[in-house]
Amino acid sequence: MSALRIATRGSLQARTQSEHIAALLRDAHPGLVVELVFVDTTGDRRQDVPLHTIGGQGVFVKEVQSAVLDGRADVAVHSAKDLPSTVTNGLVIAAFGERRDPRDVLVGSTLSNLADGATVATGSVRRRAQLRRLRPDLRFVELRGNIPTRLEKIPTDGAIVMAAAALEILGWTDRISEHLSVTDMVPAVGQGSVAVECRADDSITVDLLSAIDHRSSRRALEIERAFLAELGSGCSLPIGAHDDGRTFRVHLSSDDGARHHVAEMSTASGETTSLMDRAREMARVARSAVGD
């Protein structure tokens, strides 16, 4: 292998997290040459419409995966929260990066300082549903674009919602007004971690990536992804699921926000496969509770 080619989106966040993965690989395998291959995705091109109207989860990963499947790259790096719960045929998630801060954050104001009826910008139905549960008075507007663009769109009377990890990897945590607890705002599945895919039949690359697989992060994300997979890849309901290695928390809302289901279970002990089975059962109960 002359060089390991990493396919990634070209945004500042995607490029930075891919460069971090490249550095980990070089440290684990001295002498390994790693190159980035930039790919334009549907989600990047269609910033004029809400994500859920153009496919939601998956719109930032399909073209990056295609670059690996057709041989233009050896590895695909994604924000794990963008990755659908069903593994794409021909690919395998060979590594999960160590999870950064999984929490959602507000930029512009704290929640308690938002005036009655203030404006909050977010493109996430999950974030809207959970914030509406905490503050029914808030008004929501759409938010799209890369990180720098979103930071320029803070409503004059309100705030924007972002992932702490996105600001952390860019060194911009000083912009955060408030971290929202995972009990008040259950994060998206995989939020804060990076997923690294390669071709399932590429044993050399699978072996190279195994050296940077963060085991405790993988365990947590496999439990979360089992919950999401049970709900189904076509489920568009507001979904939150997060495991911190001790407690697995989930939140599911109905489309209209009238019904919310919140539950948790202990994950401090037990085999990952059995915890995944319990997570799937939690998904079935949650779906029944919100009436989907």
C-alpha atoms as a PDB file:
ATOM      1  CA  MET A   1       0.000   0.000   0.000  1.00  0.00           C
ATOM      2  CA  SER A   2       1.672   3.226  -1.180  1.00  0.00           C
ATOM      3  CA  ALA A   3      -0.644   5.407   0.922  1.00  0.00           C
ATOM      4  CA  LEU A   4      -3.803   5.032   2.925  1.00  0.00           C
ATOM      5  CA  ARG A   5      -6.438   7.279   1.372  1.00  0.00           C
ATOM      6  CA  ILE A   6      -9.109   8.737   3.683  1.00  0.00           C
ATOM      7  CA  ALA A   7     -12.346   9.946   2.100  1.00  0.00           C
ATOM      8  CA  THR A   8     -13.954  12.841   3.943  1.00  0.00           C
ATOM      9  CA  ARG A   9     -16.234  15.813   3.451  1.00  0.00           C
ATOM     10  CA  GLY A  10     -14.418  19.062   2.854  1.00  0.00           C
ATOM     11  CA  SER A  11     -15.952  21.083   5.691  1.00  0.00           C
ATOM     12  CA  LEU A  12     -13.628  22.454   8.360  1.00  0.00           C
ATOM     13  CA  GLN A  13     -15.017  20.087  11.001  1.00  0.00           C
ATOM     14  CA  ALA A  14     -14.863  17.009   8.747  1.00  0.00           C
ATOM     15  CA  ARG A  15     -11.360  17.847   7.561  1.00  0.00           C
ATOM     16  CA  THR A  16     -10.112  18.456  11.104  1.00  0.00           C
ATOM     17  CA  GLN A  17     -11.515  15.199  12.477  1.00  0.00           C
ATOM     18  CA  SER A  18     -10.115  13.285   9.492  1.00  0.00           C
ATOM     19  CA  GLU A  19      -6.705  14.837  10.074  1.00  0.00           C
ATOM     20  CA  HIS A  20      -6.962  13.683  13.696  1.00  0.00           C
ATOM     21  CA  ILE A  21      -7.672  10.106  12.550  1.00  0.00           C
ATOM     22  CA  ALA A  22      -4.762  10.345  10.105  1.00  0.00           C
ATOM     23  CA  ALA A  23      -2.455  11.432  12.950  1.00  0.00           C
ATOM     24  CA  LEU A  24      -3.599   8.508  15.126  1.00  0.00           C
ATOM     25  CA  LEU A  25      -2.861   6.103  12.273  1.00  0.00           C
ATOM     26  CA  ARG A  26       0.593   7.552  11.697  1.00  0.00           C
ATOM     27  CA  ASP A  27       1.359   7.253  15.411  1.00  0.00           C
ATOM     28  CA  ALA A  28       0.117   3.654  15.507  1.00  0.00           C
ATOM     29  CA  HIS A  29       1.946   2.696  12.310  1.00  0.00           C
ATOM     30  CA  PRO A  30       5.216   4.657  11.944  1.00  0.00           C
ATOM     31  CA  GLY A  31       6.079   5.222   8.303  1.00  0.00           C
ATOM     32  CA  LEU A  32       2.477   4.919   7.097  1.00  0.00           C
ATOM     33  CA  VAL A  33       1.604   7.564   4.506  1.00  0.00           C
ATOM     34  CA  VAL A  34      -1.952   8.904   4.866  1.00  0.00           C
ATOM     35  CA  GLU A  35      -3.723  11.178   2.373  1.00  0.00           C
ATOM     36  CA  LEU A  36      -7.135  12.884   2.450  1.00  0.00           C
ATOM     37  CA  VAL A  37      -9.584  12.577  -0.448  1.00  0.00           C
ATOM     38  CA  PHE A  38     -12.263  15.271  -0.346  1.00  0.00           C
ATOM     39  CA  VAL A  39     -15.814  14.380  -1.364  1.00  0.00           C
ATOM     40  CA  ASP A  40     -18.824  16.632  -1.966  1.00  0.00           C
ATOM     41  CA  THR A  41     -22.051  15.281  -0.414  1.00  0.00           C
ATOM     42  CA  THR A  42     -25.767  15.881  -0.914  1.00  0.00           C
ATOM     43  CA  GLY A  43     -25.982  17.412   2.547  1.00  0.00           C
ATOM     44  CA  ASP A  44     -23.242  19.901   1.695  1.00  0.00           C
ATOM     45  CA  ARG A  45     -24.786  20.867  -1.640  1.00  0.00           C
ATOM     46  CA  ARG A  46     -28.375  21.246  -0.413  1.00  0.00           C
ATOM     47  CA  GLN A  47     -28.026  23.763   2.399  1.00  0.00           C
ATOM     48  CA  ASP A  48     -31.156  25.603   1.296  1.00  0.00           C
ATOM     49  CA  VAL A  49     -33.560  22.999   2.703  1.00  0.00           C
ATOM     50  CA  PRO A  50     -34.066  21.220   6.062  1.00  0.00           C
ATOM     51  CA  LEU A  51     -32.103  17.977   6.427  1.00  0.00           C
ATOM     52  CA  HIS A  52     -35.164  15.839   7.120  1.00  0.00           C
ATOM     53  CA  THR A  53     -36.673  16.809   3.735  1.00  0.00           C
ATOM     54  CA  ILE A  54     -33.670  15.493   1.757  1.00  0.00           C
ATOM     55  CA  GLY A  55     -33.143  12.228   3.569  1.00  0.00           C
ATOM     56  CA  GLY A  56     -32.034  13.207   7.065  1.00  0.00           C
ATOM     57  CA  GLN A  57     -29.475  10.762   8.390  1.00  0.00           C
ATOM     58  CA  GLY A  58     -27.196   9.558   5.609  1.00  0.00           C
ATOM     59  CA  VAL A  59     -27.094  12.685   3.440  1.00  0.00           C
ATOM     60  CA  PHE A  60     -23.570  13.441   4.626  1.00  0.00           C
ATOM     61  CA  VAL A  61     -22.151   9.934   4.199  1.00  0.00           C
ATOM     62  CA  LYS A  62     -23.364   8.198   1.023  1.00  0.00           C
ATOM     63  CA  GLU A  63     -20.955   9.858  -1.399  1.00  0.00           C
ATOM     64  CA  VAL A  64     -18.058   9.415   1.049  1.00  0.00           C
ATOM     65  CA  GLN A  65     -18.876   5.705   1.302  1.00  0.00           C
ATOM     66  CA  SER A  66     -19.075   5.463  -2.489  1.00  0.00           C
ATOM     67  CA  ALA A  67     -15.503   6.750  -2.757  1.00  0.00           C
ATOM     68  CA  VAL A  68     -14.371   3.719  -0.744  1.00  0.00           C
ATOM     69  CA  LEU A  69     -16.587   1.224  -2.535  1.00  0.00           C
ATOM     70  CA  ASP A  70     -15.431   2.323  -6.002  1.00  0.00           C
ATOM     71  CA  GLY A  71     -11.744   2.371  -5.048  1.00  0.00           C
ATOM     72  CA  ARG A  72     -11.022   6.112  -4.955  1.00  0.00           C
ATOM     73  CA  ALA A  73     -10.251   5.810  -1.229  1.00  0.00           C
ATOM     74  CA  ASP A  74      -9.468   3.088   1.309  1.00  0.00           C
ATOM     75  CA  VAL A  75     -11.173   4.579   4.356  1.00  0.00           C
ATOM     76  CA  ALA A  76     -14.204   6.762   5.036  1.00  0.00           C
ATOM     77  CA  VAL A  77     -14.353   9.024   8.095  1.00  0.00           C
ATOM     78  CA  HIS A  78     -17.725  10.292   9.340  1.00  0.00           C
ATOM     79  CA  SER A  79     -19.240  11.965  12.351  1.00  0.00           C
ATOM     80  CA  ALA A  80     -20.807   8.872  13.909  1.00  0.00           C
ATOM     81  CA  LYS A  81     -24.143  10.655  14.428  1.00  0.00           C
ATOM     82  CA  ASP A  82     -24.459  11.062  10.638  1.00  0.00           C
ATOM     83  CA  LEU A  83     -24.097   7.336   9.997  1.00  0.00           C
ATOM     84  CA  PRO A  84     -27.284   5.287   9.450  1.00  0.00           C
ATOM     85  CA  SER A  85     -27.809   2.426  11.894  1.00  0.00           C
ATOM     86  CA  THR A  86     -27.644  -0.197   9.128  1.00  0.00           C
ATOM     87  CA  VAL A  87     -24.122  -0.907   7.883  1.00  0.00           C
ATOM     88  CA  THR A  88     -23.763  -0.369   4.128  1.00  0.00           C
ATOM     89  CA  ASN A  89     -23.212  -3.538   2.089  1.00  0.00           C
ATOM     90  CA  GLY A  90     -19.532  -4.097   1.418  1.00  0.00           C
ATOM     91  CA  LEU A  91     -18.354  -1.874   4.274  1.00  0.00           C
ATOM     92  CA  VAL A  92     -17.477  -2.394   7.931  1.00  0.00           C
ATOM     93  CA  ILE A  93     -17.033   0.093  10.773  1.00  0.00           C
ATOM     94  CA  ALA A  94     -13.463  -0.871  11.614  1.00  0.00           C
ATOM     95  CA  ALA A  95     -12.886   1.813  14.249  1.00  0.00           C
ATOM     96  CA  PHE A  96     -14.684   4.322  16.433  1.00  0.00           C
ATOM     97  CA  GLY A  97     -12.709   7.301  17.652  1.00  0.00           C
ATOM     98  CA  GLU A  98     -12.602   8.130  21.345  1.00  0.00           C
ATOM     99  CA  ARG A  99     -15.752  10.003  22.169  1.00  0.00           C
ATOM    100  CA  ARG A 100     -15.512  13.718  22.832  1.00  0.00           C
ATOM    101  CA  ASP A 101     -18.091  15.672  24.840  1.00  0.00           C
ATOM    102  CA  PRO A 102     -21.451  14.235  23.662  1.00  0.00           C
ATOM    103  CA  ARG A 103     -23.608  17.076  24.952  1.00  0.00           C
ATOM    104  CA  ASP A 104     -25.628  19.657  23.053  1.00  0.00           C
ATOM    105  CA  VAL A 105     -24.774  23.271  23.765  1.00  0.00           C
ATOM    106  CA  LEU A 106     -26.353  26.679  23.385  1.00  0.00           C
ATOM    107  CA  VAL A 107     -24.440  29.521  21.756  1.00  0.00           C
ATOM    108  CA  GLY A 108     -25.697  33.059  22.251  1.00  0.00           C
ATOM    109  CA  SER A 109     -27.576  32.639  25.526  1.00  0.00           C
ATOM    110  CA  THR A 110     -28.225  30.199  28.327  1.00  0.00           C
ATOM    111  CA  LEU A 111     -31.602  28.500  28.455  1.00  0.00           C
ATOM    112  CA  SER A 112     -32.691  30.323  31.604  1.00  0.00           C
ATOM    113  CA  ASN A 113     -31.725  33.701  30.131  1.00  0.00           C
ATOM    114  CA  LEU A 114     -33.810  33.264  26.999  1.00  0.00           C
ATOM    115  CA  ALA A 115     -36.801  35.595  27.214  1.00  0.00           C
ATOM    116  CA  ASP A 116     -40.314  34.239  26.853  1.00  0.00           C
ATOM    117  CA  GLY A 117     -40.900  33.498  23.171  1.00  0.00           C
ATOM    118  CA  ALA A 118     -37.219  33.856  22.245  1.00  0.00           C
ATOM    119  CA  THR A 119     -35.894  32.373  19.014  1.00  0.00           C
ATOM    120  CA  VAL A 120     -33.736  29.247  18.902  1.00  0.00           C
ATOM    121  CA  ALA A 121     -32.166  28.149  15.619  1.00  0.00           C
ATOM    122  CA  THR A 122     -31.604  24.446  14.952  1.00  0.00           C
ATOM    123  CA  GLY A 123     -32.111  22.092  12.040  1.00  0.00           C
ATOM    124  CA  SER A 124     -32.584  19.075  14.332  1.00  0.00           C
ATOM    125  CA  VAL A 125     -36.062  17.721  15.070  1.00  0.00           C
ATOM    126  CA  ARG A 126     -34.569  15.948  18.099  1.00  0.00           C
ATOM    127  CA  ARG A 127     -33.252  19.179  19.568  1.00  0.00           C
ATOM    128  CA  ARG A 128     -36.483  21.025  18.901  1.00  0.00           C
ATOM    129  CA  ALA A 129     -38.600  18.330  20.537  1.00  0.00           C
ATOM    130  CA  GLN A 130     -36.539  18.199  23.708  1.00  0.00           C
ATOM    131  CA  LEU A 131     -36.161  21.978  24.030  1.00  0.00           C
ATOM    132  CA  ARG A 132     -39.876  22.421  23.455  1.00  0.00           C
ATOM    133  CA  ARG A 133     -40.461  20.012  26.331  1.00  0.00           C
ATOM    134  CA  LEU A 134     -38.238  22.156  28.576  1.00  0.00           C
ATOM    135  CA  ARG A 135     -39.433  25.528  27.257  1.00  0.00           C
ATOM    136  CA  PRO A 136     -42.785  25.356  25.413  1.00  0.00           C
ATOM    137  CA  ASP A 137     -42.663  29.113  24.838  1.00  0.00           C
ATOM    138  CA  LEU A 138     -39.639  29.089  22.542  1.00  0.00           C
ATOM    139  CA  ARG A 139     -39.878  29.820  18.818  1.00  0.00           C
ATOM    140  CA  PHE A 140     -37.773  27.709  16.455  1.00  0.00           C
ATOM    141  CA  VAL A 141     -36.224  28.529  13.084  1.00  0.00           C
ATOM    142  CA  GLU A 142     -34.206  26.401  10.676  1.00  0.00           C
ATOM    143  CA  LEU A 143     -30.393  26.360  10.847  1.00  0.00           C
ATOM    144  CA  ARG A 144     -28.125  24.903   8.152  1.00  0.00           C
ATOM    145  CA  GLY A 145     -24.543  25.422   7.013  1.00  0.00           C
ATOM    146  CA  ASN A 146     -21.052  24.594   8.195  1.00  0.00           C
ATOM    147  CA  ILE A 147     -19.878  25.521  11.688  1.00  0.00           C
ATOM    148  CA  PRO A 148     -18.552  29.030  10.897  1.00  0.00           C
ATOM    149  CA  THR A 149     -21.729  29.829   8.943  1.00  0.00           C
ATOM    150  CA  ARG A 150     -23.982  28.662  11.763  1.00  0.00           C
ATOM    151  CA  LEU A 151     -22.077  30.729  14.304  1.00  0.00           C
ATOM    152  CA  GLU A 152     -22.949  33.797  12.223  1.00  0.00           C
ATOM    153  CA  LYS A 153     -26.683  33.032  12.423  1.00  0.00           C
ATOM    154  CA  ILE A 154     -27.356  33.494  16.148  1.00  0.00           C
ATOM    155  CA  PRO A 155     -30.793  35.164  16.439  1.00  0.00           C
ATOM    156  CA  THR A 156     -30.590  38.596  18.028  1.00  0.00           C
ATOM    157  CA  ASP A 157     -33.071  37.564  20.712  1.00  0.00           C
ATOM    158  CA  GLY A 158     -31.986  33.964  21.115  1.00  0.00           C
ATOM    159  CA  ALA A 159     -29.474  31.182  20.592  1.00  0.00           C
ATOM    160  CA  ILE A 160     -28.379  28.367  18.329  1.00  0.00           C
ATOM    161  CA  VAL A 161     -27.960  24.720  19.337  1.00  0.00           C
ATOM    162  CA  MET A 162     -24.818  22.822  18.406  1.00  0.00           C
ATOM    163  CA  ALA A 163     -22.844  19.730  19.378  1.00  0.00           C
ATOM    164  CA  ALA A 164     -20.151  20.435  21.951  1.00  0.00           C
ATOM    165  CA  ALA A 165     -17.804  18.059  20.134  1.00  0.00           C
ATOM    166  CA  ALA A 166     -17.971  20.085  16.913  1.00  0.00           C
ATOM    167  CA  LEU A 167     -16.739  23.188  18.709  1.00  0.00           C
ATOM    168  CA  GLU A 168     -14.266  21.188  20.792  1.00  0.00           C
ATOM    169  CA  ILE A 169     -12.454  19.685  17.800  1.00  0.00           C
ATOM    170  CA  LEU A 170     -12.102  23.157  16.281  1.00  0.00           C
ATOM    171  CA  GLY A 171     -10.898  24.727  19.516  1.00  0.00           C
ATOM    172  CA  TRP A 172     -13.897  27.045  19.718  1.00  0.00           C
ATOM    173  CA  THR A 173     -15.405  26.021  23.063  1.00  0.00           C
ATOM    174  CA  ASP A 174     -15.127  29.639  24.230  1.00  0.00           C
ATOM    175  CA  ARG A 175     -18.233  30.329  22.110  1.00  0.00           C
ATOM    176  CA  ILE A 176     -20.392  28.046  24.275  1.00  0.00           C
ATOM    177  CA  SER A 177     -22.954  29.773  26.500  1.00  0.00           C
ATOM    178  CA  GLU A 178     -24.287  26.616  28.182  1.00  0.00           C
ATOM    179  CA  HIS A 179     -23.777  22.865  28.115  1.00  0.00           C
ATOM    180  CA  LEU A 180     -27.129  21.054  28.246  1.00  0.00           C
ATOM    181  CA  SER A 181     -27.092  17.956  30.441  1.00  0.00           C
ATOM    182  CA  VAL A 182     -27.639  14.560  28.825  1.00  0.00           C
ATOM    183  CA  THR A 183     -30.647  14.054  31.103  1.00  0.00           C
ATOM    184  CA  ASP A 184     -32.375  17.237  29.880  1.00  0.00           C
ATOM    185  CA  MET A 185     -31.212  16.865  26.263  1.00  0.00           C
ATOM    186  CA  VAL A 186     -30.464  13.261  25.318  1.00  0.00           C
ATOM    187  CA  PRO A 187     -27.852  13.467  22.521  1.00  0.00           C
ATOM    188  CA  ALA A 188     -28.119  11.961  19.074  1.00  0.00           C
ATOM    189  CA  VAL A 189     -26.909   8.400  18.608  1.00  0.00           C
ATOM    190  CA  GLY A 190     -23.144   8.514  18.176  1.00  0.00           C
ATOM    191  CA  GLN A 191     -22.800  12.220  18.937  1.00  0.00           C
ATOM    192  CA  GLY A 192     -19.241  13.144  19.866  1.00  0.00           C
ATOM    193  CA  SER A 193     -17.530  10.203  18.164  1.00  0.00           C
ATOM    194  CA  VAL A 194     -16.064   9.523  14.734  1.00  0.00           C
ATOM    195  CA  ALA A 195     -16.784   6.351  12.748  1.00  0.00           C
ATOM    196  CA  VAL A 196     -14.145   4.946  10.412  1.00  0.00           C
ATOM    197  CA  GLU A 197     -15.272   2.588   7.641  1.00  0.00           C
ATOM    198  CA  CYS A 198     -13.397   0.502   5.104  1.00  0.00           C
ATOM    199  CA  ARG A 199     -14.238  -2.292   2.670  1.00  0.00           C
ATOM    200  CA  ALA A 200     -15.216  -5.449   4.519  1.00  0.00           C
ATOM    201  CA  ASP A 201     -12.911  -7.568   2.359  1.00  0.00           C
ATOM    202  CA  ASP A 202      -9.898  -5.269   2.849  1.00  0.00           C
ATOM    203  CA  SER A 203      -8.217  -7.216   5.642  1.00  0.00           C
ATOM    204  CA  ILE A 204      -5.051  -5.100   5.551  1.00  0.00           C
ATOM    205  CA  THR A 205      -6.943  -1.862   6.214  1.00  0.00           C
ATOM    206  CA  VAL A 206      -9.195  -3.513   8.788  1.00  0.00           C
ATOM    207  CA  ASP A 207      -6.074  -4.542  10.663  1.00  0.00           C
ATOM    208  CA  LEU A 208      -4.522  -1.062  10.414  1.00  0.00           C
ATOM    209  CA  LEU A 209      -7.706   0.552  11.763  1.00  0.00           C
ATOM    210  CA  SER A 210      -8.063  -1.903  14.640  1.00  0.00           C
ATOM    211  CA  ALA A 211      -5.099  -0.184  16.310  1.00  0.00           C
ATOM    212  CA  ILE A 212      -7.066   3.058  16.735  1.00  0.00           C
ATOM    213  CA  ASP A 213     -10.461   1.550  17.675  1.00  0.00           C
ATOM    214  CA  HIS A 214     -11.508   2.993  21.051  1.00  0.00           C
ATOM    215  CA  ARG A 215     -13.092   0.017  22.817  1.00  0.00           C
ATOM    216  CA  SER A 216     -15.278   1.760  25.411  1.00  0.00           C
ATOM    217  CA  SER A 217     -16.593   4.188  22.792  1.00  0.00           C
ATOM    218  CA  ARG A 218     -17.393   1.253  20.496  1.00  0.00           C
ATOM    219  CA  ARG A 219     -19.307  -0.499  23.280  1.00  0.00           C
ATOM    220  CA  ALA A 220     -21.409   2.594  23.957  1.00  0.00           C
ATOM    221  CA  LEU A 221     -22.109   3.292  20.298  1.00  0.00           C
ATOM    222  CA  GLU A 222     -23.068  -0.305  19.543  1.00  0.00           C
ATOM    223  CA  ILE A 223     -25.718  -0.113  22.272  1.00  0.00           C
ATOM    224  CA  GLU A 224     -27.004   3.220  20.948  1.00  0.00           C
ATOM    225  CA  ARG A 225     -27.016   2.027  17.355  1.00  0.00           C
ATOM    226  CA  ALA A 226     -28.944  -1.121  18.326  1.00  0.00           C
ATOM    227  CA  PHE A 227     -31.683   1.103  19.745  1.00  0.00           C
ATOM    228  CA  LEU A 228     -31.777   3.195  16.565  1.00  0.00           C
ATOM    229  CA  ALA A 229     -31.717   0.150  14.276  1.00  0.00           C
ATOM    230  CA  GLU A 230     -34.719  -1.352  16.050  1.00  0.00           C
ATOM    231  CA  LEU A 231     -36.700   1.834  15.402  1.00  0.00           C
ATOM    232  CA  GLY A 232     -35.856   1.411  11.719  1.00  0.00           C
ATOM    233  CA  SER A 233     -33.743   3.371   9.266  1.00  0.00           C
ATOM    234  CA  GLY A 234     -36.864   5.080   7.963  1.00  0.00           C
ATOM    235  CA  CYS A 235     -37.926   6.400  11.342  1.00  0.00           C
ATOM    236  CA  SER A 236     -38.056  10.209  11.236  1.00  0.00           C
ATOM    237  CA  LEU A 237     -39.241  10.767  14.799  1.00  0.00           C
ATOM    238  CA  PRO A 238     -37.152  12.880  17.202  1.00  0.00           C
ATOM    239  CA  ILE A 239     -34.731  10.299  18.661  1.00  0.00           C
ATOM    240  CA  GLY A 240     -32.098  10.651  21.358  1.00  0.00           C
ATOM    241  CA  ALA A 241     -30.019   7.806  22.810  1.00  0.00           C
ATOM    242  CA  HIS A 242     -26.828   7.992  24.825  1.00  0.00           C
ATOM    243  CA  ASP A 243     -24.727   5.558  26.854  1.00  0.00           C
ATOM    244  CA  ASP A 244     -22.032   6.921  29.167  1.00  0.00           C
ATOM    245  CA  GLY A 245     -20.764   3.491  30.235  1.00  0.00           C
ATOM    246  CA  ARG A 246     -22.981   3.467  33.315  1.00  0.00           C
ATOM    247  CA  THR A 247     -26.436   4.523  32.154  1.00  0.00           C
ATOM    248  CA  PHE A 248     -28.174   4.265  28.795  1.00  0.00           C
ATOM    249  CA  ARG A 249     -30.768   7.032  28.325  1.00  0.00           C
ATOM    250  CA  VAL A 250     -33.292   7.362  25.526  1.00  0.00           C
ATOM    251  CA  HIS A 251     -35.820   9.953  24.433  1.00  0.00           C
ATOM    252  CA  LEU A 252     -38.431   9.535  21.717  1.00  0.00           C
ATOM    253  CA  SER A 253     -41.151  12.021  20.789  1.00  0.00           C
ATOM    254  CA  SER A 254     -44.140  11.891  18.499  1.00  0.00           C
ATOM    255  CA  ASP A 255     -44.021  14.004  15.334  1.00  0.00           C
ATOM    256  CA  ASP A 256     -46.306  16.636  16.851  1.00  0.00           C
ATOM    257  CA  GLY A 257     -44.358  16.728  20.108  1.00  0.00           C
ATOM    258  CA  ALA A 258     -47.438  15.867  22.126  1.00  0.00           C
ATOM    259  CA  ARG A 259     -46.026  12.594  23.455  1.00  0.00           C
ATOM    260  CA  HIS A 260     -42.580  12.031  24.941  1.00  0.00           C
ATOM    261  CA  HIS A 261     -41.032   8.802  26.134  1.00  0.00           C
ATOM    262  CA  VAL A 262     -37.961   8.914  28.381  1.00  0.00           C
ATOM    263  CA  ALA A 263     -36.302   5.791  29.813  1.00  0.00           C
ATOM    264  CA  GLU A 264     -32.954   4.531  31.052  1.00  0.00           C
ATOM    265  CA  MET A 265     -31.156   1.333  32.013  1.00  0.00           C
ATOM    266  CA  SER A 266     -27.879   0.464  33.699  1.00  0.00           C
ATOM    267  CA  THR A 267     -24.970  -0.501  31.443  1.00  0.00           C
ATOM    268  CA  ALA A 268     -22.321  -0.600  34.179  1.00  0.00           C
ATOM    269  CA  SER A 269     -22.032  -4.351  33.742  1.00  0.00           C
ATOM    270  CA  GLY A 270     -23.068  -7.011  31.248  1.00  0.00           C
ATOM    271  CA  GLU A 271     -22.039  -8.305  27.852  1.00  0.00           C
ATOM    272  CA  THR A 272     -22.414  -5.853  24.984  1.00  0.00           C
ATOM    273  CA  THR A 273     -24.652  -8.236  23.016  1.00  0.00           C
ATOM    274  CA  SER A 274     -27.119  -8.618  25.891  1.00  0.00           C
ATOM    275  CA  LEU A 275     -27.164  -4.847  26.466  1.00  0.00           C
ATOM    276  CA  MET A 276     -27.865  -4.370  22.758  1.00  0.00           C
ATOM    277  CA  ASP A 277     -30.814  -6.768  23.062  1.00  0.00           C
ATOM    278  CA  ARG A 278     -32.148  -4.757  25.999  1.00  0.00           C
ATOM    279  CA  ALA A 279     -31.695  -1.549  23.997  1.00  0.00           C
ATOM    280  CA  ARG A 280     -33.778  -3.041  21.184  1.00  0.00           C
ATOM    281  CA  GLU A 281     -36.521  -3.871  23.664  1.00  0.00           C
ATOM    282  CA  MET A 282     -36.394  -0.280  24.933  1.00  0.00           C
ATOM    283  CA  ALA A 283     -36.911   0.862  21.327  1.00  0.00           C
ATOM    284  CA  ARG A 284     -40.005  -1.311  20.951  1.00  0.00           C
ATOM    285  CA  VAL A 285     -41.446   0.063  24.183  1.00  0.00           C
ATOM    286  CA  ALA A 286     -40.613   3.640  23.151  1.00  0.00           C
ATOM    287  CA  ARG A 287     -42.283   3.270  19.763  1.00  0.00           C
ATOM    288  CA  SER A 288     -45.427   1.907  21.403  1.00  0.00           C
ATOM    289  CA  ALA A 289     -45.438   4.736  23.955  1.00  0.00           C
ATOM    290  CA  VAL A 290     -45.421   7.541  21.382  1.00  0.00           C
ATOM    291  CA  GLY A 291     -47.906   5.758  19.153  1.00  0.00           C
ATOM    292  CA  ASP A 292     -45.870   5.585  15.958  1.00  0.00           C
END
